[in-house]
Amino acid sequence: MPSISSNLVETESQSLDYSQAQRDIISEAIGILETMLVTGEALTSSAAVKQFCQLQIAEEKDEHFCCLFLDNQHNLIRFEKLFRGTVNSASVHPRAVVRLALELNAAAVIFTHNHPSGMTTPSQADKQITQRLKEALELVDVRVLDHIVVGFGECTSFAEAGLL
């Protein structure tokens, strides 16, 4: 599996002016969470999944829509940044999400995207795309477990809010 840590540090160093020591700490934290996710420990904890998502995309200046692709036991297969948008939106294409889920033989997914404004209240557009993706993935027997909206220091879970 490709290293998530190296991808984040490269992306983060382009979007923020972190010191090398800060980049090393971020890489180590993501590595620990990634190990937990791959071994199946963390997906029993929504808090750990939220932390992972925050470390990945909270500081991005543009909106990023990402997926955690999971196997049948909800172990992480891959975390993928699929779509990058502007400061307040990203175009999400269900066909691309379904295609990658099938290629990875995923049984379930968790969506996550950031709101560069820092506000984590899901927009109407967020709710609509989540429903479209859920319907498209149901056709190929892939379950949608959650959609996490990431802001500065907080996250909103669609599942916890009763929006799924």
C-alpha atoms as a PDB file:
ATOM      1  CA  MET A   1       0.000   0.000   0.000  1.00  0.00           C
ATOM      2  CA  PRO A   2       1.428   3.448  -0.850  1.00  0.00           C
ATOM      3  CA  SER A   3       2.474   5.501   2.155  1.00  0.00           C
ATOM      4  CA  ILE A   4      -0.067   8.064   3.198  1.00  0.00           C
ATOM      5  CA  SER A   5       2.526   9.846   5.306  1.00  0.00           C
ATOM      6  CA  SER A   6       4.770  10.843   2.432  1.00  0.00           C
ATOM      7  CA  ASN A   7       1.809  12.108   0.392  1.00  0.00           C
ATOM      8  CA  LEU A   8       0.595  14.296   3.256  1.00  0.00           C
ATOM      9  CA  VAL A   9       3.964  15.834   4.007  1.00  0.00           C
ATOM     10  CA  GLU A  10       4.443  16.720   0.345  1.00  0.00           C
ATOM     11  CA  THR A  11       0.934  18.189   0.104  1.00  0.00           C
ATOM     12  CA  GLU A  12       1.135  19.998   3.430  1.00  0.00           C
ATOM     13  CA  SER A  13       4.539  21.495   2.669  1.00  0.00           C
ATOM     14  CA  GLN A  14       3.048  22.980  -0.486  1.00  0.00           C
ATOM     15  CA  SER A  15      -0.017  24.471   1.250  1.00  0.00           C
ATOM     16  CA  LEU A  16       1.504  25.595   4.577  1.00  0.00           C
ATOM     17  CA  ASP A  17       4.881  26.764   5.765  1.00  0.00           C
ATOM     18  CA  TYR A  18       5.642  24.035   8.318  1.00  0.00           C
ATOM     19  CA  SER A  19       9.074  23.591   9.826  1.00  0.00           C
ATOM     20  CA  GLN A  20      10.816  20.294   9.187  1.00  0.00           C
ATOM     21  CA  ALA A  21      10.229  19.278  12.806  1.00  0.00           C
ATOM     22  CA  GLN A  22       6.487  19.923  12.431  1.00  0.00           C
ATOM     23  CA  ARG A  23       6.365  17.914   9.184  1.00  0.00           C
ATOM     24  CA  ASP A  24       8.158  15.041  10.937  1.00  0.00           C
ATOM     25  CA  ILE A  25       5.622  15.070  13.792  1.00  0.00           C
ATOM     26  CA  ILE A  26       2.688  15.120  11.350  1.00  0.00           C
ATOM     27  CA  SER A  27       4.207  12.234   9.384  1.00  0.00           C
ATOM     28  CA  GLU A  28       4.717  10.199  12.539  1.00  0.00           C
ATOM     29  CA  ALA A  29       1.153  10.851  13.756  1.00  0.00           C
ATOM     30  CA  ILE A  30      -0.307   9.829  10.403  1.00  0.00           C
ATOM     31  CA  GLY A  31       1.885   6.732  10.355  1.00  0.00           C
ATOM     32  CA  ILE A  32       0.564   5.676  13.772  1.00  0.00           C
ATOM     33  CA  LEU A  33      -3.060   6.254  12.760  1.00  0.00           C
ATOM     34  CA  GLU A  34      -2.496   4.539   9.415  1.00  0.00           C
ATOM     35  CA  THR A  35      -1.103   1.472  11.189  1.00  0.00           C
ATOM     36  CA  MET A  36      -4.108   1.413  13.495  1.00  0.00           C
ATOM     37  CA  LEU A  37      -6.480   1.685  10.543  1.00  0.00           C
ATOM     38  CA  VAL A  38      -4.734  -1.027   8.551  1.00  0.00           C
ATOM     39  CA  THR A  39      -4.736  -3.430  11.513  1.00  0.00           C
ATOM     40  CA  GLY A  40      -8.416  -2.751  12.099  1.00  0.00           C
ATOM     41  CA  GLU A  41      -7.985  -1.197  15.541  1.00  0.00           C
ATOM     42  CA  ALA A  42      -9.063   2.316  14.709  1.00  0.00           C
ATOM     43  CA  LEU A  43     -12.211   1.753  12.709  1.00  0.00           C
ATOM     44  CA  THR A  44     -14.005   0.747  15.865  1.00  0.00           C
ATOM     45  CA  SER A  45     -13.457   4.323  17.020  1.00  0.00           C
ATOM     46  CA  SER A  46     -15.050   7.174  15.106  1.00  0.00           C
ATOM     47  CA  ALA A  47     -12.797   9.560  17.051  1.00  0.00           C
ATOM     48  CA  ALA A  48      -9.656   7.965  15.577  1.00  0.00           C
ATOM     49  CA  VAL A  49     -11.103   8.080  12.064  1.00  0.00           C
ATOM     50  CA  LYS A  50     -11.945  11.767  12.550  1.00  0.00           C
ATOM     51  CA  GLN A  51      -8.397  12.453  13.782  1.00  0.00           C
ATOM     52  CA  PHE A  52      -6.987  10.686  10.753  1.00  0.00           C
ATOM     53  CA  CYS A  53      -9.187  12.742   8.415  1.00  0.00           C
ATOM     54  CA  GLN A  54      -8.250  15.964  10.186  1.00  0.00           C
ATOM     55  CA  LEU A  55      -4.544  15.232   9.862  1.00  0.00           C
ATOM     56  CA  GLN A  56      -5.008  14.526   6.179  1.00  0.00           C
ATOM     57  CA  ILE A  57      -7.038  17.551   5.035  1.00  0.00           C
ATOM     58  CA  ALA A  58      -7.914  20.080   7.780  1.00  0.00           C
ATOM     59  CA  GLU A  59      -5.238  22.567   6.773  1.00  0.00           C
ATOM     60  CA  GLU A  60      -5.873  22.470   3.027  1.00  0.00           C
ATOM     61  CA  LYS A  61      -6.665  25.862   1.550  1.00  0.00           C
ATOM     62  CA  ASP A  62      -8.943  24.340  -1.132  1.00  0.00           C
ATOM     63  CA  GLU A  63     -11.729  21.822  -0.685  1.00  0.00           C
ATOM     64  CA  HIS A  64     -10.644  18.188  -1.069  1.00  0.00           C
ATOM     65  CA  PHE A  65     -13.044  15.233  -1.321  1.00  0.00           C
ATOM     66  CA  CYS A  66     -11.512  11.967  -0.175  1.00  0.00           C
ATOM     67  CA  CYS A  67     -12.468   8.344   0.446  1.00  0.00           C
ATOM     68  CA  LEU A  68     -11.349   5.708   2.870  1.00  0.00           C
ATOM     69  CA  PHE A  69     -11.858   2.425   1.024  1.00  0.00           C
ATOM     70  CA  LEU A  70     -12.445  -0.497   3.392  1.00  0.00           C
ATOM     71  CA  ASP A  71     -12.539  -4.269   3.178  1.00  0.00           C
ATOM     72  CA  ASN A  72     -15.328  -6.477   4.536  1.00  0.00           C
ATOM     73  CA  GLN A  73     -13.927  -6.288   8.082  1.00  0.00           C
ATOM     74  CA  HIS A  74     -13.670  -2.482   7.756  1.00  0.00           C
ATOM     75  CA  ASN A  75      -9.881  -2.483   7.562  1.00  0.00           C
ATOM     76  CA  LEU A  76      -8.398   0.303   5.484  1.00  0.00           C
ATOM     77  CA  ILE A  77      -7.488  -0.661   1.925  1.00  0.00           C
ATOM     78  CA  ARG A  78      -6.560   2.854   0.807  1.00  0.00           C
ATOM     79  CA  PHE A  79      -7.107   6.514   1.605  1.00  0.00           C
ATOM     80  CA  GLU A  80      -7.481   8.514  -1.584  1.00  0.00           C
ATOM     81  CA  LYS A  81      -7.798  12.239  -2.291  1.00  0.00           C
ATOM     82  CA  LEU A  82     -10.114  11.999  -5.285  1.00  0.00           C
ATOM     83  CA  PHE A  83     -11.231  15.544  -6.074  1.00  0.00           C
ATOM     84  CA  ARG A  84      -9.797  18.982  -5.454  1.00  0.00           C
ATOM     85  CA  GLY A  85     -11.916  22.077  -5.766  1.00  0.00           C
ATOM     86  CA  THR A  86     -11.787  25.714  -4.865  1.00  0.00           C
ATOM     87  CA  VAL A  87     -12.152  27.529  -1.574  1.00  0.00           C
ATOM     88  CA  ASN A  88     -15.841  26.612  -1.245  1.00  0.00           C
ATOM     89  CA  SER A  89     -16.612  23.612  -3.475  1.00  0.00           C
ATOM     90  CA  ALA A  90     -15.286  20.551  -5.254  1.00  0.00           C
ATOM     91  CA  SER A  91     -16.897  18.693  -8.127  1.00  0.00           C
ATOM     92  CA  VAL A  92     -17.430  15.060  -7.159  1.00  0.00           C
ATOM     93  CA  HIS A  93     -18.089  12.441  -9.822  1.00  0.00           C
ATOM     94  CA  PRO A  94     -19.888   9.281  -8.596  1.00  0.00           C
ATOM     95  CA  ARG A  95     -18.599   7.276 -11.565  1.00  0.00           C
ATOM     96  CA  ALA A  96     -14.978   7.790 -10.472  1.00  0.00           C
ATOM     97  CA  VAL A  97     -15.766   6.802  -6.873  1.00  0.00           C
ATOM     98  CA  VAL A  98     -17.590   3.639  -7.961  1.00  0.00           C
ATOM     99  CA  ARG A  99     -14.804   2.711 -10.404  1.00  0.00           C
ATOM    100  CA  LEU A 100     -12.096   2.963  -7.743  1.00  0.00           C
ATOM    101  CA  ALA A 101     -14.204   1.090  -5.173  1.00  0.00           C
ATOM    102  CA  LEU A 102     -14.556  -1.760  -7.668  1.00  0.00           C
ATOM    103  CA  GLU A 103     -10.854  -1.706  -8.611  1.00  0.00           C
ATOM    104  CA  LEU A 104      -9.902  -1.934  -4.922  1.00  0.00           C
ATOM    105  CA  ASN A 105     -12.562  -4.556  -4.210  1.00  0.00           C
ATOM    106  CA  ALA A 106     -13.859  -2.352  -1.399  1.00  0.00           C
ATOM    107  CA  ALA A 107     -16.831  -3.522   0.654  1.00  0.00           C
ATOM    108  CA  ALA A 108     -17.414  -0.157   2.336  1.00  0.00           C
ATOM    109  CA  VAL A 109     -16.327   3.482   2.185  1.00  0.00           C
ATOM    110  CA  ILE A 110     -16.108   6.507   4.409  1.00  0.00           C
ATOM    111  CA  PHE A 111     -16.199   9.863   2.644  1.00  0.00           C
ATOM    112  CA  THR A 112     -14.455  12.908   4.016  1.00  0.00           C
ATOM    113  CA  HIS A 113     -13.981  16.427   2.800  1.00  0.00           C
ATOM    114  CA  ASN A 114     -12.782  19.649   4.323  1.00  0.00           C
ATOM    115  CA  HIS A 115     -14.425  23.025   4.585  1.00  0.00           C
ATOM    116  CA  PRO A 116     -11.618  25.596   4.290  1.00  0.00           C
ATOM    117  CA  SER A 117     -13.875  28.076   6.104  1.00  0.00           C
ATOM    118  CA  GLY A 118     -13.489  25.909   9.206  1.00  0.00           C
ATOM    119  CA  MET A 119     -17.255  25.469   9.627  1.00  0.00           C
ATOM    120  CA  THR A 120     -18.255  21.800   9.671  1.00  0.00           C
ATOM    121  CA  THR A 121     -22.000  22.099   9.168  1.00  0.00           C
ATOM    122  CA  PRO A 122     -22.857  19.988   6.100  1.00  0.00           C
ATOM    123  CA  SER A 123     -24.249  22.052   3.227  1.00  0.00           C
ATOM    124  CA  GLN A 124     -27.243  21.027   1.152  1.00  0.00           C
ATOM    125  CA  ALA A 125     -24.800  20.171  -1.652  1.00  0.00           C
ATOM    126  CA  ASP A 126     -22.867  17.922   0.768  1.00  0.00           C
ATOM    127  CA  LYS A 127     -26.069  16.075   1.654  1.00  0.00           C
ATOM    128  CA  GLN A 128     -27.087  15.694  -1.989  1.00  0.00           C
ATOM    129  CA  ILE A 129     -23.750  14.323  -3.208  1.00  0.00           C
ATOM    130  CA  THR A 130     -23.621  11.927  -0.279  1.00  0.00           C
ATOM    131  CA  GLN A 131     -27.040  10.566  -1.221  1.00  0.00           C
ATOM    132  CA  ARG A 132     -26.063  10.255  -4.914  1.00  0.00           C
ATOM    133  CA  LEU A 133     -22.856   8.430  -3.999  1.00  0.00           C
ATOM    134  CA  LYS A 134     -24.676   6.161  -1.573  1.00  0.00           C
ATOM    135  CA  GLU A 135     -27.227   5.214  -4.262  1.00  0.00           C
ATOM    136  CA  ALA A 136     -24.520   4.596  -6.868  1.00  0.00           C
ATOM    137  CA  LEU A 137     -22.431   2.457  -4.527  1.00  0.00           C
ATOM    138  CA  GLU A 138     -25.449   0.434  -3.377  1.00  0.00           C
ATOM    139  CA  LEU A 139     -25.795  -0.792  -6.964  1.00  0.00           C
ATOM    140  CA  VAL A 140     -22.437  -2.552  -6.625  1.00  0.00           C
ATOM    141  CA  ASP A 141     -22.889  -3.666  -2.980  1.00  0.00           C
ATOM    142  CA  VAL A 142     -20.518  -1.139  -1.410  1.00  0.00           C
ATOM    143  CA  ARG A 143     -21.758   0.288   1.895  1.00  0.00           C
ATOM    144  CA  VAL A 144     -21.336   3.939   2.857  1.00  0.00           C
ATOM    145  CA  LEU A 145     -20.466   4.022   6.559  1.00  0.00           C
ATOM    146  CA  ASP A 146     -20.023   7.754   7.078  1.00  0.00           C
ATOM    147  CA  HIS A 147     -19.204  11.128   5.583  1.00  0.00           C
ATOM    148  CA  ILE A 148     -16.989  13.302   7.743  1.00  0.00           C
ATOM    149  CA  VAL A 149     -16.796  17.059   7.220  1.00  0.00           C
ATOM    150  CA  VAL A 150     -13.467  18.374   8.498  1.00  0.00           C
ATOM    151  CA  GLY A 151     -12.879  21.870   9.825  1.00  0.00           C
ATOM    152  CA  PHE A 152     -10.310  23.463  12.103  1.00  0.00           C
ATOM    153  CA  GLY A 153     -10.190  21.387  15.267  1.00  0.00           C
ATOM    154  CA  GLU A 154     -13.578  19.734  14.748  1.00  0.00           C
ATOM    155  CA  CYS A 155     -15.438  17.334  12.498  1.00  0.00           C
ATOM    156  CA  THR A 156     -19.071  16.552  11.765  1.00  0.00           C
ATOM    157  CA  SER A 157     -20.062  12.952  11.138  1.00  0.00           C
ATOM    158  CA  PHE A 158     -23.092  12.336   8.920  1.00  0.00           C
ATOM    159  CA  ALA A 159     -23.655   9.006  10.702  1.00  0.00           C
ATOM    160  CA  GLU A 160     -23.590  10.571  14.169  1.00  0.00           C
ATOM    161  CA  ALA A 161     -25.870  13.414  12.999  1.00  0.00           C
ATOM    162  CA  GLY A 162     -28.394  10.942  11.535  1.00  0.00           C
ATOM    163  CA  LEU A 163     -27.842  12.153   7.970  1.00  0.00           C
ATOM    164  CA  LEU A 164     -27.055   8.749   6.381  1.00  0.00           C
END
